[in-house]
Amino acid sequence: MERGNQTGAGNFILLGFTDDPDLHSLLFGLLLSMYLVTVLGNLLIILATISDSHLHTPMYFFLSNLSLADIGFTSTTIPKALRNIQTQSRVITFAGCISQIYFFVVFGCQDNLLLTVMAYDRFMAICHPLHYVVIMNPWLCLLMALGSWLVSVLGSLPGTLTILRLSFCTNREIPHFFCDLPEVLKIACSDTLINNIVMYSVTIVLGVFPLTGILLSYSQIFSSILRISSDRGKYKAFSTCGSHLLVVSLFYGTSLGVYFNSVATPSSRMSLMASVMYTMVTPMLNPFIYSLRNRDIKVALVTVLSKMVPLKERFDACLS
């Protein structure tokens, strides 16, 4: 059967990872495992932050928002990819494709903005510790979180809505496992100049500007750390932002890797494999990065899990 026969009016074909049917079971198991680890890991971070009063601080409040964004980021693409592998169907409707693009950009922008807000929080904690509690008050934290969500939701609309003006040829094959905006624009028959202008403008405003804010915050943080006389003081100051710095490096490193790879080589397969890093691997690793070296998170997670055990025993007793 030709791939073109699988599409109806307005449908697209997601070529996915491989054409080899022998690898589908392995791929399905791998994706499902990574997705479950991502959702459960980030959900535990959220539950730990809510349940433990010691974690009711700006840093952990923003971390719980980041975990929520990571769950949404992964859930936008992976469930559809799993369904396509299981059903041996690669079809996605036009509406489904538009929805994927929109929410993928929303949660991606939200990650950018939250990482910037968290960098500012670390800047205030290290460079202005005496004013930290006054400035980073609950109302400001709430406004910063709500503001980042609002900007992400509204900022993702222009790039998505401009797709509606495009027409597409009979070849509607997307060499990806989800509707990636640049790949969708490549298969359009009509002029995509406006779309590209909007896409790069949004990328600059919601991608480059936040990254600039992070770099400025950390330049001040490193400058303050270097002025600390004792090695113990330097280590303590750096340890408060080490996890965040690692997450920032991982997120932007993989994102920039995808961009430069797409510019340097036209290979869609290479772009696809690079996309896996920031769409699946980074959200999956974030909970581990923040919890492995953080005693407060570890204690809170143990408390949450210990509370779940009696609930499970009660549930099993009711069923028996």
Protein backbone atom coordinates (compact mmCIF):
# COMPACT_ATOMS: atom_id res chain seq x y z
CA MET A 1 0.00 0.00 0.00
CA GLU A 2 1.34 3.44 -0.86
CA ARG A 3 1.61 5.88 1.95
CA GLY A 4 -0.45 8.39 0.01
CA ASN A 5 -3.44 6.04 0.15
CA GLN A 6 -3.53 6.27 3.95
CA THR A 7 -4.43 9.93 3.96
CA GLY A 8 -7.83 11.46 3.68
CA ALA A 9 -8.63 15.08 2.99
CA GLY A 10 -6.56 17.30 5.23
CA ASN A 11 -4.59 14.43 6.81
CA PHE A 12 -0.82 14.10 7.16
CA ILE A 13 1.51 11.11 7.41
CA LEU A 14 4.02 10.96 10.27
CA LEU A 15 6.90 8.81 9.01
CA GLY A 16 8.10 8.21 12.57
CA PHE A 17 11.36 6.57 13.56
CA THR A 18 11.69 3.54 11.31
CA ASP A 19 10.02 1.53 8.55
CA ASP A 20 11.26 -1.77 9.99
CA PRO A 21 8.24 -3.54 11.59
CA ASP A 22 10.58 -5.78 13.61
CA LEU A 23 11.71 -2.75 15.61
CA HIS A 24 8.21 -1.49 16.40
CA SER A 25 7.77 -3.58 19.56
CA LEU A 26 11.16 -2.51 20.92
CA LEU A 27 10.47 1.11 20.02
CA PHE A 28 7.01 1.01 21.61
CA GLY A 29 8.39 -0.42 24.86
CA LEU A 30 11.21 2.13 24.97
CA LEU A 31 8.94 5.12 24.33
CA LEU A 32 6.32 3.91 26.80
CA SER A 33 8.95 3.37 29.51
CA MET A 34 10.45 6.82 28.99
CA TYR A 35 7.01 8.43 28.98
CA LEU A 36 5.92 6.73 32.21
CA VAL A 37 9.20 7.62 33.95
CA THR A 38 8.81 11.24 32.80
CA VAL A 39 5.20 11.60 33.96
CA LEU A 40 5.66 9.76 37.27
CA GLY A 41 8.95 11.50 38.08
CA ASN A 42 7.60 14.98 37.46
CA LEU A 43 4.31 14.16 39.19
CA LEU A 44 6.22 13.08 42.30
CA ILE A 45 8.11 16.39 42.28
CA ILE A 46 4.78 18.26 42.18
CA LEU A 47 3.26 16.14 44.97
CA ALA A 48 6.38 16.49 47.13
CA THR A 49 6.38 20.27 46.69
CA ILE A 50 2.70 20.56 47.58
CA SER A 51 2.73 18.18 50.56
CA ASP A 52 5.92 19.32 52.33
CA SER A 53 5.71 22.76 53.96
CA HIS A 54 9.53 23.03 53.92
CA LEU A 55 9.34 23.17 50.13
CA HIS A 56 6.90 26.08 50.05
CA THR A 57 9.60 28.42 48.75
CA PRO A 58 9.97 30.28 45.43
CA MET A 59 12.54 27.83 44.07
CA TYR A 60 10.36 24.76 44.59
CA PHE A 61 7.20 26.60 43.49
CA PHE A 62 8.83 27.32 40.13
CA LEU A 63 10.21 23.77 40.03
CA SER A 64 6.70 22.32 40.38
CA ASN A 65 5.55 24.55 37.51
CA LEU A 66 8.49 23.33 35.43
CA SER A 67 7.52 19.72 36.19
CA LEU A 68 3.95 20.45 35.07
CA ALA A 69 5.25 22.00 31.84
CA ASP A 70 7.50 18.98 31.22
CA ILE A 71 4.54 16.60 31.62
CA GLY A 72 2.58 18.65 29.09
CA PHE A 73 5.60 18.94 26.77
CA THR A 74 6.04 15.17 26.60
CA SER A 75 2.31 14.36 26.55
CA THR A 76 1.85 16.51 23.45
CA THR A 77 3.88 14.15 21.25
CA ILE A 78 4.55 10.74 22.81
CA PRO A 79 0.96 9.35 23.26
CA LYS A 80 0.24 9.94 19.56
CA ALA A 81 3.55 8.33 18.58
CA LEU A 82 2.72 5.30 20.77
CA ARG A 83 -0.75 5.01 19.24
CA ASN A 84 0.66 5.16 15.71
CA ILE A 85 3.16 2.39 16.47
CA GLN A 86 0.51 0.20 18.11
CA THR A 87 -2.11 0.62 15.36
CA GLN A 88 0.41 0.57 12.49
CA SER A 89 -1.16 3.83 11.31
CA ARG A 90 0.82 6.97 10.61
CA VAL A 91 -2.11 9.26 9.90
CA ILE A 92 -2.71 12.46 11.83
CA THR A 93 -5.55 14.83 11.00
CA PHE A 94 -4.98 18.47 10.12
CA ALA A 95 -6.68 19.53 13.38
CA GLY A 96 -4.55 17.06 15.33
CA CYS A 97 -1.41 18.38 13.67
CA ILE A 98 -2.31 22.00 14.43
CA SER A 99 -3.04 21.06 18.06
CA GLN A 100 0.32 19.31 18.39
CA ILE A 101 2.18 22.30 17.00
CA TYR A 102 0.37 24.74 19.28
CA PHE A 103 0.78 22.84 22.55
CA PHE A 104 4.36 21.83 21.71
CA VAL A 105 5.26 25.51 21.31
CA VAL A 106 3.26 26.47 24.44
CA PHE A 107 5.07 24.04 26.72
CA GLY A 108 8.42 24.67 25.04
CA CYS A 109 8.06 28.42 25.62
CA GLN A 110 6.91 27.76 29.16
CA ASP A 111 10.09 25.78 29.83
CA ASN A 112 12.15 28.70 28.49
CA LEU A 113 10.38 31.29 30.61
CA LEU A 114 10.36 29.20 33.80
CA LEU A 115 14.08 28.47 33.50
CA THR A 116 14.61 32.23 33.16
CA VAL A 117 12.47 32.97 36.22
CA MET A 118 14.34 30.30 38.19
CA ALA A 119 17.67 31.84 37.15
CA TYR A 120 16.44 35.21 38.45
CA ASP A 121 15.38 33.51 41.70
CA ARG A 122 18.88 32.06 42.12
CA PHE A 123 20.38 35.47 41.28
CA MET A 124 18.35 37.11 44.05
CA ALA A 125 19.19 34.33 46.55
CA ILE A 126 22.95 34.51 45.95
CA CYS A 127 23.57 38.15 45.03
CA HIS A 128 20.95 39.81 47.27
CA PRO A 129 20.29 37.37 50.15
CA LEU A 130 19.22 40.09 52.60
CA HIS A 131 16.46 41.30 50.28
CA TYR A 132 15.50 37.87 48.93
CA VAL A 133 12.51 37.20 51.21
CA VAL A 134 11.09 40.68 50.68
CA ILE A 135 11.47 40.76 46.90
CA MET A 136 10.62 37.12 46.12
CA ASN A 137 7.34 37.23 48.04
CA PRO A 138 4.46 34.81 47.29
CA TRP A 139 2.51 37.36 45.26
CA LEU A 140 5.46 38.14 42.98
CA CYS A 141 6.16 34.42 42.51
CA LEU A 142 2.52 33.79 41.61
CA LEU A 143 2.50 36.70 39.16
CA MET A 144 5.74 35.50 37.53
CA ALA A 145 4.37 31.97 37.13
CA LEU A 146 0.99 33.11 35.80
CA GLY A 147 2.71 35.63 33.55
CA SER A 148 4.94 32.96 32.02
CA TRP A 149 1.93 30.73 31.33
CA LEU A 150 -0.03 33.62 29.80
CA VAL A 151 2.87 34.72 27.59
CA SER A 152 3.39 31.12 26.43
CA VAL A 153 -0.29 30.61 25.59
CA LEU A 154 -0.62 33.91 23.70
CA GLY A 155 2.86 33.87 22.16
CA SER A 156 2.24 30.47 20.58
CA LEU A 157 -0.87 31.62 18.70
CA PRO A 158 0.69 33.62 15.81
CA GLY A 159 2.89 30.80 14.53
CA THR A 160 0.03 28.31 14.77
CA LEU A 161 -2.67 30.50 13.23
CA THR A 162 -0.55 31.43 10.21
CA ILE A 163 -0.49 27.73 9.23
CA LEU A 164 -4.21 28.00 8.46
CA ARG A 165 -3.44 30.20 5.46
CA LEU A 166 -1.25 27.56 3.83
CA SER A 167 -2.18 25.00 1.19
CA PHE A 168 -0.49 21.61 1.00
CA CYS A 169 0.45 19.39 -1.92
CA THR A 170 -0.50 15.74 -2.38
CA ASN A 171 2.75 14.73 -0.68
CA ARG A 172 1.87 15.20 2.99
CA GLU A 173 4.60 13.07 4.51
CA ILE A 174 6.28 14.58 7.58
CA PRO A 175 9.68 12.94 8.32
CA HIS A 176 9.15 13.13 12.07
CA PHE A 177 7.29 11.38 14.90
CA PHE A 178 5.20 14.50 15.56
CA CYS A 179 4.06 17.63 13.71
CA ASP A 180 7.18 19.74 14.01
CA LEU A 181 6.48 23.24 12.68
CA PRO A 182 9.59 23.58 10.43
CA GLU A 183 8.89 20.16 8.88
CA VAL A 184 5.24 21.07 8.23
CA LEU A 185 6.29 24.30 6.51
CA LYS A 186 8.62 22.33 4.21
CA ILE A 187 5.72 20.38 2.66
CA ALA A 188 3.50 23.43 2.06
CA CYS A 189 2.78 24.38 -1.56
CA SER A 190 2.05 28.04 -0.87
CA ASP A 191 4.51 30.76 0.09
CA THR A 192 5.80 30.34 3.67
CA LEU A 193 7.69 33.64 3.99
CA ILE A 194 5.22 35.10 6.50
CA ASN A 195 5.23 31.84 8.47
CA ASN A 196 9.02 31.81 8.68
CA ILE A 197 9.13 35.47 9.74
CA VAL A 198 6.58 34.81 12.49
CA MET A 199 8.33 31.59 13.57
CA TYR A 200 11.76 33.21 13.89
CA SER A 201 10.30 36.31 15.57
CA VAL A 202 8.58 34.17 18.21
CA THR A 203 11.79 32.16 18.63
CA ILE A 204 13.77 35.34 19.28
CA VAL A 205 11.25 36.82 21.71
CA LEU A 206 10.38 33.63 23.62
CA GLY A 207 13.66 31.76 23.14
CA VAL A 208 16.65 34.04 22.67
CA PHE A 209 15.54 36.77 25.09
CA PRO A 210 14.94 34.30 27.97
CA LEU A 211 18.33 32.69 27.28
CA THR A 212 19.93 36.14 27.41
CA GLY A 213 18.25 36.73 30.78
CA ILE A 214 19.63 33.43 32.07
CA LEU A 215 23.15 34.27 30.89
CA LEU A 216 23.00 37.71 32.51
CA SER A 217 21.75 36.23 35.79
CA TYR A 218 24.51 33.63 35.88
CA SER A 219 27.20 36.15 34.98
CA GLN A 220 26.22 38.06 38.13
CA ILE A 221 25.97 34.82 40.14
CA PHE A 222 29.46 33.65 39.13
CA SER A 223 30.86 37.10 39.83
CA SER A 224 29.37 37.02 43.34
CA ILE A 225 30.61 33.47 43.98
CA LEU A 226 34.16 34.40 42.98
CA ARG A 227 34.13 37.22 45.52
CA ILE A 228 33.40 34.77 48.36
CA SER A 229 36.64 34.21 50.29
CA SER A 230 36.14 30.69 51.68
CA ASP A 231 36.00 27.56 49.52
CA ARG A 232 33.15 26.23 51.65
CA GLY A 233 31.15 29.39 51.01
CA LYS A 234 31.78 29.13 47.27
CA TYR A 235 30.69 25.49 47.23
CA LYS A 236 27.53 26.23 49.22
CA ALA A 237 26.60 29.12 46.92
CA PHE A 238 27.25 27.12 43.77
CA SER A 239 25.35 24.07 45.06
CA THR A 240 22.17 26.16 45.30
CA CYS A 241 22.18 26.73 41.54
CA GLY A 242 24.10 23.69 40.27
CA SER A 243 21.01 21.61 39.44
CA HIS A 244 19.31 24.47 37.64
CA LEU A 245 22.46 25.22 35.66
CA LEU A 246 22.67 21.57 34.57
CA VAL A 247 19.01 21.57 33.45
CA VAL A 248 19.54 24.83 31.53
CA SER A 249 22.63 23.40 29.82
CA LEU A 250 20.78 20.21 28.91
CA PHE A 251 17.67 21.99 27.60
CA TYR A 252 19.38 24.70 25.58
CA GLY A 253 22.23 22.44 24.53
CA THR A 254 19.87 19.93 22.92
CA SER A 255 17.60 22.67 21.49
CA LEU A 256 20.53 24.50 19.90
CA GLY A 257 21.87 21.16 18.72
CA VAL A 258 18.62 20.54 16.83
CA TYR A 259 18.75 24.02 15.28
CA PHE A 260 22.39 23.91 14.15
CA ASN A 261 22.00 20.33 12.94
CA SER A 262 19.04 21.33 10.75
CA VAL A 263 21.05 24.26 9.35
CA ALA A 264 24.25 22.26 8.73
CA THR A 265 22.69 19.08 7.30
CA PRO A 266 19.41 18.59 5.43
CA SER A 267 19.00 15.11 6.94
CA SER A 268 15.57 14.88 8.56
CA ARG A 269 16.65 11.67 10.33
CA MET A 270 19.45 13.46 12.13
CA SER A 271 17.05 16.23 13.10
CA LEU A 272 14.57 13.63 14.36
CA MET A 273 17.11 11.91 16.60
CA ALA A 274 18.30 15.24 17.96
CA SER A 275 14.67 16.20 18.69
CA VAL A 276 14.30 13.08 20.82
CA MET A 277 16.83 14.57 23.24
CA TYR A 278 14.87 17.69 24.15
CA THR A 279 11.35 16.29 23.71
CA MET A 280 11.83 13.11 25.77
CA VAL A 281 15.24 12.77 27.41
CA THR A 282 15.45 16.23 29.00
CA PRO A 283 11.96 16.17 30.63
CA MET A 284 12.70 12.64 31.86
CA LEU A 285 16.03 13.59 33.46
CA ASN A 286 14.89 16.84 35.12
CA PRO A 287 13.30 15.19 38.22
CA PHE A 288 16.45 13.11 38.78
CA ILE A 289 18.75 16.12 38.39
CA TYR A 290 16.80 18.15 40.95
CA SER A 291 16.30 15.33 43.45
CA LEU A 292 19.53 13.31 43.50
CA ARG A 293 21.62 16.03 45.18
CA ASN A 294 18.80 17.77 47.02
CA ARG A 295 18.19 16.49 50.54
CA ASP A 296 14.92 18.42 50.97
CA ILE A 297 13.43 16.87 47.84
CA LYS A 298 14.61 13.40 48.88
CA VAL A 299 12.96 13.70 52.31
CA ALA A 300 9.74 15.01 50.75
CA LEU A 301 9.67 12.19 48.19
CA VAL A 302 10.17 9.57 50.91
CA THR A 303 7.27 11.13 52.84
CA VAL A 304 5.01 11.09 49.78
CA LEU A 305 5.86 7.48 48.95
CA SER A 306 5.40 6.37 52.57
CA LYS A 307 1.91 7.87 52.53
CA MET A 308 1.09 6.00 49.33
CA VAL A 309 1.89 2.58 50.85
CA PRO A 310 -0.92 2.66 53.49
CA LEU A 311 -3.33 3.88 50.82
CA LYS A 312 -2.43 0.93 48.62
CA GLU A 313 -2.86 -1.48 51.54
CA ARG A 314 -6.30 -0.03 52.31
CA PHE A 315 -7.28 -0.28 48.65
CA ASP A 316 -6.14 -3.91 48.48
CA ALA A 317 -8.07 -4.66 51.70
CA CYS A 318 -11.25 -3.22 50.20
CA LEU A 319 -10.88 -5.38 47.11
CA SER A 320 -10.22 -8.58 49.07
